[in-house]
Amino acid sequence: MIVFLKRVKMTVVDGKNLQMKAENVAEMIVELKIEKDFIAVVKNGKIVPRTRWDTESVEKDDVFEIFSPVSGG
């Protein structure tokens, strides 16, 4: 029997060092249990369009920021 294990990567998300198993941004959002409807994702200083979340990889030492709208005035 051969078992494939997903690699675990150290990734920075919103200033916190986290061990991630996610292979792409979409999986990372699920792994972090974040509501995806109203967020923006920035990877290494560049916005990741929602259309690329399934293909944009999560690599060791990537730095992510996740933004959600804040109401106020």
PDB file of N, CA and C in Angstrom:
ATOM      1  N   MET A   1       0.844  -1.175   0.000  1.00  0.00           N
ATOM      2  CA  MET A   1       0.000   0.000   0.000  1.00  0.00           C
ATOM      3  C   MET A   1       0.888   1.237   0.000  1.00  0.00           C
ATOM      4  N   ILE A   2       0.568   2.166  -0.874  1.00  0.00           N
ATOM      5  CA  ILE A   2       1.293   3.428  -0.943  1.00  0.00           C
ATOM      6  C   ILE A   2       0.370   4.531  -0.460  1.00  0.00           C
ATOM      7  N   VAL A   3       0.863   5.337   0.448  1.00  0.00           N
ATOM      8  CA  VAL A   3       0.081   6.451   0.975  1.00  0.00           C
ATOM      9  C   VAL A   3       0.811   7.742   0.615  1.00  0.00           C
ATOM     10  N   PHE A   4       0.098   8.643  -0.017  1.00  0.00           N
ATOM     11  CA  PHE A   4       0.662   9.944  -0.345  1.00  0.00           C
ATOM     12  C   PHE A   4       0.197  10.947   0.700  1.00  0.00           C
ATOM     13  N   LEU A   5       1.131  11.623   1.301  1.00  0.00           N
ATOM     14  CA  LEU A   5       0.810  12.638   2.300  1.00  0.00           C
ATOM     15  C   LEU A   5       1.028  14.010   1.687  1.00  0.00           C
ATOM     16  N   LYS A   6       0.092  14.893   1.934  1.00  0.00           N
ATOM     17  CA  LYS A   6       0.288  16.270   1.476  1.00  0.00           C
ATOM     18  C   LYS A   6       1.414  16.888   2.285  1.00  0.00           C
ATOM     19  N   ARG A   7       2.232  17.637   1.606  1.00  0.00           N
ATOM     20  CA  ARG A   7       3.328  18.299   2.314  1.00  0.00           C
ATOM     21  C   ARG A   7       2.769  19.414   3.195  1.00  0.00           C
ATOM     22  N   VAL A   8       3.445  19.663   4.275  1.00  0.00           N
ATOM     23  CA  VAL A   8       3.053  20.737   5.185  1.00  0.00           C
ATOM     24  C   VAL A   8       4.048  21.872   4.990  1.00  0.00           C
ATOM     25  N   LYS A   9       3.521  23.070   4.787  1.00  0.00           N
ATOM     26  CA  LYS A   9       4.361  24.230   4.512  1.00  0.00           C
ATOM     27  C   LYS A   9       4.156  25.278   5.596  1.00  0.00           C
ATOM     28  N   MET A  10       5.211  25.986   5.909  1.00  0.00           N
ATOM     29  CA  MET A  10       5.080  27.138   6.793  1.00  0.00           C
ATOM     30  C   MET A  10       4.747  28.340   5.922  1.00  0.00           C
ATOM     31  N   THR A  11       3.607  28.933   6.182  1.00  0.00           N
ATOM     32  CA  THR A  11       3.123  30.064   5.405  1.00  0.00           C
ATOM     33  C   THR A  11       2.697  31.153   6.374  1.00  0.00           C
ATOM     34  N   VAL A  12       2.883  32.394   5.991  1.00  0.00           N
ATOM     35  CA  VAL A  12       2.452  33.519   6.819  1.00  0.00           C
ATOM     36  C   VAL A  12       1.104  34.007   6.297  1.00  0.00           C
ATOM     37  N   VAL A  13       0.104  34.011   7.186  1.00  0.00           N
ATOM     38  CA  VAL A  13      -1.224  34.515   6.845  1.00  0.00           C
ATOM     39  C   VAL A  13      -1.582  35.581   7.868  1.00  0.00           C
ATOM     40  N   ASP A  14      -1.805  36.781   7.391  1.00  0.00           N
ATOM     41  CA  ASP A  14      -2.140  37.917   8.259  1.00  0.00           C
ATOM     42  C   ASP A  14      -1.172  38.047   9.432  1.00  0.00           C
ATOM     43  N   GLY A  15       0.117  37.899   9.142  1.00  0.00           N
ATOM     44  CA  GLY A  15       1.152  38.083  10.150  1.00  0.00           C
ATOM     45  C   GLY A  15       1.395  36.905  11.071  1.00  0.00           C
ATOM     46  N   LYS A  16       0.684  35.797  10.869  1.00  0.00           N
ATOM     47  CA  LYS A  16       0.850  34.616  11.721  1.00  0.00           C
ATOM     48  C   LYS A  16       1.499  33.491  10.922  1.00  0.00           C
ATOM     49  N   ASN A  17       2.530  32.865  11.495  1.00  0.00           N
ATOM     50  CA  ASN A  17       3.142  31.703  10.855  1.00  0.00           C
ATOM     51  C   ASN A  17       2.243  30.494  11.060  1.00  0.00           C
ATOM     52  N   LEU A  18       1.820  29.883   9.962  1.00  0.00           N
ATOM     53  CA  LEU A  18       0.914  28.739  10.023  1.00  0.00           C
ATOM     54  C   LEU A  18       1.464  27.585   9.211  1.00  0.00           C
ATOM     55  N   GLN A  19       1.189  26.373   9.674  1.00  0.00           N
ATOM     56  CA  GLN A  19       1.498  25.187   8.885  1.00  0.00           C
ATOM     57  C   GLN A  19       0.281  24.885   8.032  1.00  0.00           C
ATOM     58  N   MET A  20       0.469  24.888   6.726  1.00  0.00           N
ATOM     59  CA  MET A  20      -0.640  24.699   5.798  1.00  0.00           C
ATOM     60  C   MET A  20      -0.456  23.410   5.005  1.00  0.00           C
ATOM     61  N   LYS A  21      -1.560  22.705   4.778  1.00  0.00           N
ATOM     62  CA  LYS A  21      -1.554  21.551   3.883  1.00  0.00           C
ATOM     63  C   LYS A  21      -2.119  21.926   2.516  1.00  0.00           C
ATOM     64  N   ALA A  22      -2.733  23.087   2.435  1.00  0.00           N
ATOM     65  CA  ALA A  22      -3.396  23.526   1.202  1.00  0.00           C
ATOM     66  C   ALA A  22      -2.400  23.603   0.054  1.00  0.00           C
ATOM     67  N   GLU A  23      -2.864  23.186  -1.118  1.00  0.00           N
ATOM     68  CA  GLU A  23      -2.053  23.261  -2.329  1.00  0.00           C
ATOM     69  C   GLU A  23      -2.321  24.541  -3.112  1.00  0.00           C
ATOM     70  N   ASN A  24      -3.500  25.146  -2.899  1.00  0.00           N
ATOM     71  CA  ASN A  24      -3.840  26.367  -3.631  1.00  0.00           C
ATOM     72  C   ASN A  24      -4.636  27.298  -2.715  1.00  0.00           C
ATOM     73  N   VAL A  25      -4.908  28.496  -3.203  1.00  0.00           N
ATOM     74  CA  VAL A  25      -5.588  29.511  -2.393  1.00  0.00           C
ATOM     75  C   VAL A  25      -6.982  29.048  -1.975  1.00  0.00           C
ATOM     76  N   ALA A  26      -7.720  28.419  -2.883  1.00  0.00           N
ATOM     77  CA  ALA A  26      -9.072  27.948  -2.547  1.00  0.00           C
ATOM     78  C   ALA A  26      -9.025  26.956  -1.385  1.00  0.00           C
ATOM     79  N   GLU A  27      -8.076  26.021  -1.410  1.00  0.00           N
ATOM     80  CA  GLU A  27      -7.933  25.053  -0.316  1.00  0.00           C
ATOM     81  C   GLU A  27      -7.504  25.741   0.970  1.00  0.00           C
ATOM     82  N   MET A  28      -6.656  26.760   0.860  1.00  0.00           N
ATOM     83  CA  MET A  28      -6.204  27.489   2.047  1.00  0.00           C
ATOM     84  C   MET A  28      -7.380  28.160   2.745  1.00  0.00           C
ATOM     85  N   ILE A  29      -8.272  28.763   1.969  1.00  0.00           N
ATOM     86  CA  ILE A  29      -9.440  29.434   2.543  1.00  0.00           C
ATOM     87  C   ILE A  29     -10.321  28.429   3.279  1.00  0.00           C
ATOM     88  N   VAL A  30     -10.495  27.251   2.700  1.00  0.00           N
ATOM     89  CA  VAL A  30     -11.277  26.196   3.362  1.00  0.00           C
ATOM     90  C   VAL A  30     -10.561  25.740   4.629  1.00  0.00           C
ATOM     91  N   GLU A  31      -9.247  25.512   4.538  1.00  0.00           N
ATOM     92  CA  GLU A  31      -8.466  25.057   5.692  1.00  0.00           C
ATOM     93  C   GLU A  31      -8.526  26.064   6.842  1.00  0.00           C
ATOM     94  N   LEU A  32      -8.558  27.343   6.509  1.00  0.00           N
ATOM     95  CA  LEU A  32      -8.623  28.392   7.534  1.00  0.00           C
ATOM     96  C   LEU A  32     -10.043  28.663   8.020  1.00  0.00           C
ATOM     97  N   LYS A  33     -11.017  28.012   7.383  1.00  0.00           N
ATOM     98  CA  LYS A  33     -12.436  28.170   7.746  1.00  0.00           C
ATOM     99  C   LYS A  33     -12.873  29.631   7.632  1.00  0.00           C
ATOM    100  N   ILE A  34     -12.537  30.232   6.504  1.00  0.00           N
ATOM    101  CA  ILE A  34     -12.887  31.624   6.238  1.00  0.00           C
ATOM    102  C   ILE A  34     -14.055  31.655   5.264  1.00  0.00           C
ATOM    103  N   GLU A  35     -15.039  32.505   5.541  1.00  0.00           N
ATOM    104  CA  GLU A  35     -16.156  32.703   4.614  1.00  0.00           C
ATOM    105  C   GLU A  35     -15.607  33.404   3.378  1.00  0.00           C
ATOM    106  N   LYS A  36     -15.727  32.770   2.229  1.00  0.00           N
ATOM    107  CA  LYS A  36     -15.057  33.251   1.021  1.00  0.00           C
ATOM    108  C   LYS A  36     -15.813  34.309   0.230  1.00  0.00           C
ATOM    109  N   ASP A  37     -17.065  34.547   0.547  1.00  0.00           N
ATOM    110  CA  ASP A  37     -17.885  35.410  -0.300  1.00  0.00           C
ATOM    111  C   ASP A  37     -17.430  36.864  -0.353  1.00  0.00           C
ATOM    112  N   PHE A  38     -16.928  37.394   0.727  1.00  0.00           N
ATOM    113  CA  PHE A  38     -16.609  38.824   0.768  1.00  0.00           C
ATOM    114  C   PHE A  38     -15.176  39.075   1.218  1.00  0.00           C
ATOM    115  N   ILE A  39     -14.217  38.383   0.600  1.00  0.00           N
ATOM    116  CA  ILE A  39     -12.820  38.599   0.968  1.00  0.00           C
ATOM    117  C   ILE A  39     -11.981  38.864  -0.279  1.00  0.00           C
ATOM    118  N   ALA A  40     -10.832  39.462  -0.052  1.00  0.00           N
ATOM    119  CA  ALA A  40      -9.811  39.627  -1.081  1.00  0.00           C
ATOM    120  C   ALA A  40      -8.542  38.978  -0.544  1.00  0.00           C
ATOM    121  N   VAL A  41      -7.804  38.320  -1.424  1.00  0.00           N
ATOM    122  CA  VAL A  41      -6.585  37.626  -1.022  1.00  0.00           C
ATOM    123  C   VAL A  41      -5.392  38.276  -1.721  1.00  0.00           C
ATOM    124  N   VAL A  42      -4.364  38.578  -0.921  1.00  0.00           N
ATOM    125  CA  VAL A  42      -3.124  39.138  -1.439  1.00  0.00           C
ATOM    126  C   VAL A  42      -2.012  38.140  -1.139  1.00  0.00           C
ATOM    127  N   LYS A  43      -1.271  37.767  -2.173  1.00  0.00           N
ATOM    128  CA  LYS A  43      -0.154  36.823  -2.027  1.00  0.00           C
ATOM    129  C   LYS A  43       1.136  37.554  -2.374  1.00  0.00           C
ATOM    130  N   ASN A  44       2.043  37.604  -1.421  1.00  0.00           N
ATOM    131  CA  ASN A  44       3.343  38.242  -1.637  1.00  0.00           C
ATOM    132  C   ASN A  44       3.198  39.641  -2.243  1.00  0.00           C
ATOM    133  N   GLY A  45       2.205  40.388  -1.737  1.00  0.00           N
ATOM    134  CA  GLY A  45       2.024  41.774  -2.147  1.00  0.00           C
ATOM    135  C   GLY A  45       1.190  41.993  -3.394  1.00  0.00           C
ATOM    136  N   LYS A  46       0.681  40.913  -4.006  1.00  0.00           N
ATOM    137  CA  LYS A  46      -0.125  41.056  -5.225  1.00  0.00           C
ATOM    138  C   LYS A  46      -1.497  40.421  -5.029  1.00  0.00           C
ATOM    139  N   ILE A  47      -2.538  41.121  -5.484  1.00  0.00           N
ATOM    140  CA  ILE A  47      -3.903  40.597  -5.374  1.00  0.00           C
ATOM    141  C   ILE A  47      -4.038  39.336  -6.215  1.00  0.00           C
ATOM    142  N   VAL A  48      -4.682  38.322  -5.643  1.00  0.00           N
ATOM    143  CA  VAL A  48      -4.981  37.091  -6.372  1.00  0.00           C
ATOM    144  C   VAL A  48      -6.447  37.155  -6.784  1.00  0.00           C
ATOM    145  N   PRO A  49      -6.736  37.296  -8.080  1.00  0.00           N
ATOM    146  CA  PRO A  49      -8.135  37.337  -8.511  1.00  0.00           C
ATOM    147  C   PRO A  49      -8.864  36.048  -8.135  1.00  0.00           C
ATOM    148  N   ARG A  50     -10.101  36.172  -7.779  1.00  0.00           N
ATOM    149  CA  ARG A  50     -10.923  35.020  -7.381  1.00  0.00           C
ATOM    150  C   ARG A  50     -10.897  33.924  -8.457  1.00  0.00           C
ATOM    151  N   THR A  51     -10.801  34.320  -9.706  1.00  0.00           N
ATOM    152  CA  THR A  51     -10.787  33.346 -10.805  1.00  0.00           C
ATOM    153  C   THR A  51      -9.537  32.478 -10.802  1.00  0.00           C
ATOM    154  N   ARG A  52      -8.505  32.866 -10.043  1.00  0.00           N
ATOM    155  CA  ARG A  52      -7.267  32.080  -9.975  1.00  0.00           C
ATOM    156  C   ARG A  52      -7.083  31.355  -8.646  1.00  0.00           C
ATOM    157  N   TRP A  53      -8.051  31.426  -7.752  1.00  0.00           N
ATOM    158  CA  TRP A  53      -7.894  30.781  -6.446  1.00  0.00           C
ATOM    159  C   TRP A  53      -7.655  29.280  -6.566  1.00  0.00           C
ATOM    160  N   ASP A  54      -8.262  28.627  -7.546  1.00  0.00           N
ATOM    161  CA  ASP A  54      -8.089  27.175  -7.698  1.00  0.00           C
ATOM    162  C   ASP A  54      -6.724  26.804  -8.264  1.00  0.00           C
ATOM    163  N   THR A  55      -6.058  27.735  -8.916  1.00  0.00           N
ATOM    164  CA  THR A  55      -4.783  27.413  -9.562  1.00  0.00           C
ATOM    165  C   THR A  55      -3.585  28.114  -8.933  1.00  0.00           C
ATOM    166  N   GLU A  56      -3.826  29.130  -8.112  1.00  0.00           N
ATOM    167  CA  GLU A  56      -2.720  29.869  -7.473  1.00  0.00           C
ATOM    168  C   GLU A  56      -2.173  29.044  -6.315  1.00  0.00           C
ATOM    169  N   SER A  57      -0.918  28.631  -6.423  1.00  0.00           N
ATOM    170  CA  SER A  57      -0.341  27.713  -5.439  1.00  0.00           C
ATOM    171  C   SER A  57      -0.032  28.404  -4.113  1.00  0.00           C
ATOM    172  N   VAL A  58       0.031  27.583  -3.072  1.00  0.00           N
ATOM    173  CA  VAL A  58       0.473  28.005  -1.744  1.00  0.00           C
ATOM    174  C   VAL A  58       1.810  27.313  -1.519  1.00  0.00           C
ATOM    175  N   GLU A  59       2.865  28.092  -1.474  1.00  0.00           N
ATOM    176  CA  GLU A  59       4.211  27.547  -1.340  1.00  0.00           C
ATOM    177  C   GLU A  59       4.823  27.934  -0.003  1.00  0.00           C
ATOM    178  N   LYS A  60       5.841  27.193   0.373  1.00  0.00           N
ATOM    179  CA  LYS A  60       6.575  27.483   1.600  1.00  0.00           C
ATOM    180  C   LYS A  60       7.055  28.933   1.551  1.00  0.00           C
ATOM    181  N   ASP A  61       6.901  29.619   2.644  1.00  0.00           N
ATOM    182  CA  ASP A  61       7.355  31.000   2.820  1.00  0.00           C
ATOM    183  C   ASP A  61       6.542  32.047   2.062  1.00  0.00           C
ATOM    184  N   ASP A  62       5.408  31.666   1.459  1.00  0.00           N
ATOM    185  CA  ASP A  62       4.513  32.671   0.885  1.00  0.00           C
ATOM    186  C   ASP A  62       3.943  33.518   2.014  1.00  0.00           C
ATOM    187  N   VAL A  63       3.631  34.758   1.703  1.00  0.00           N
ATOM    188  CA  VAL A  63       3.005  35.656   2.670  1.00  0.00           C
ATOM    189  C   VAL A  63       1.651  36.077   2.107  1.00  0.00           C
ATOM    190  N   PHE A  64       0.587  35.772   2.862  1.00  0.00           N
ATOM    191  CA  PHE A  64      -0.775  36.095   2.448  1.00  0.00           C
ATOM    192  C   PHE A  64      -1.387  37.110   3.398  1.00  0.00           C
ATOM    193  N   GLU A  65      -2.210  37.968   2.831  1.00  0.00           N
ATOM    194  CA  GLU A  65      -3.066  38.850   3.615  1.00  0.00           C
ATOM    195  C   GLU A  65      -4.477  38.635   3.106  1.00  0.00           C
ATOM    196  N   ILE A  66      -5.420  38.525   4.034  1.00  0.00           N
ATOM    197  CA  ILE A  66      -6.817  38.312   3.673  1.00  0.00           C
ATOM    198  C   ILE A  66      -7.612  39.490   4.213  1.00  0.00           C
ATOM    199  N   PHE A  67      -8.328  40.140   3.308  1.00  0.00           N
ATOM    200  CA  PHE A  67      -9.078  41.341   3.660  1.00  0.00           C
ATOM    201  C   PHE A  67     -10.568  41.092   3.509  1.00  0.00           C
ATOM    202  N   SER A  68     -11.339  41.660   4.423  1.00  0.00           N
ATOM    203  CA  SER A  68     -12.797  41.640   4.297  1.00  0.00           C
ATOM    204  C   SER A  68     -13.283  43.074   4.486  1.00  0.00           C
ATOM    205  N   PRO A  69     -14.419  43.408   3.863  1.00  0.00           N
ATOM    206  CA  PRO A  69     -14.904  44.787   3.961  1.00  0.00           C
ATOM    207  C   PRO A  69     -15.303  45.151   5.390  1.00  0.00           C
ATOM    208  N   VAL A  70     -15.085  46.402   5.725  1.00  0.00           N
ATOM    209  CA  VAL A  70     -15.467  46.925   7.036  1.00  0.00           C
ATOM    210  C   VAL A  70     -16.374  48.120   6.793  1.00  0.00           C
ATOM    211  N   SER A  71     -17.544  48.096   7.420  1.00  0.00           N
ATOM    212  CA  SER A  71     -18.430  49.245   7.248  1.00  0.00           C
ATOM    213  C   SER A  71     -18.113  50.313   8.278  1.00  0.00           C
ATOM    214  N   GLY A  72     -18.439  51.479   7.939  1.00  0.00           N
ATOM    215  CA  GLY A  72     -18.181  52.594   8.841  1.00  0.00           C
ATOM    216  C   GLY A  72     -18.318  53.898   8.076  1.00  0.00           C
ATOM    217  N   GLY A  73     -17.978  54.946   8.727  1.00  0.00           N
ATOM    218  CA  GLY A  73     -18.143  56.198   8.003  1.00  0.00           C
ATOM    219  C   GLY A  73     -17.394  57.324   8.575  1.00  0.00           C
TER     220      GLY A  73
END
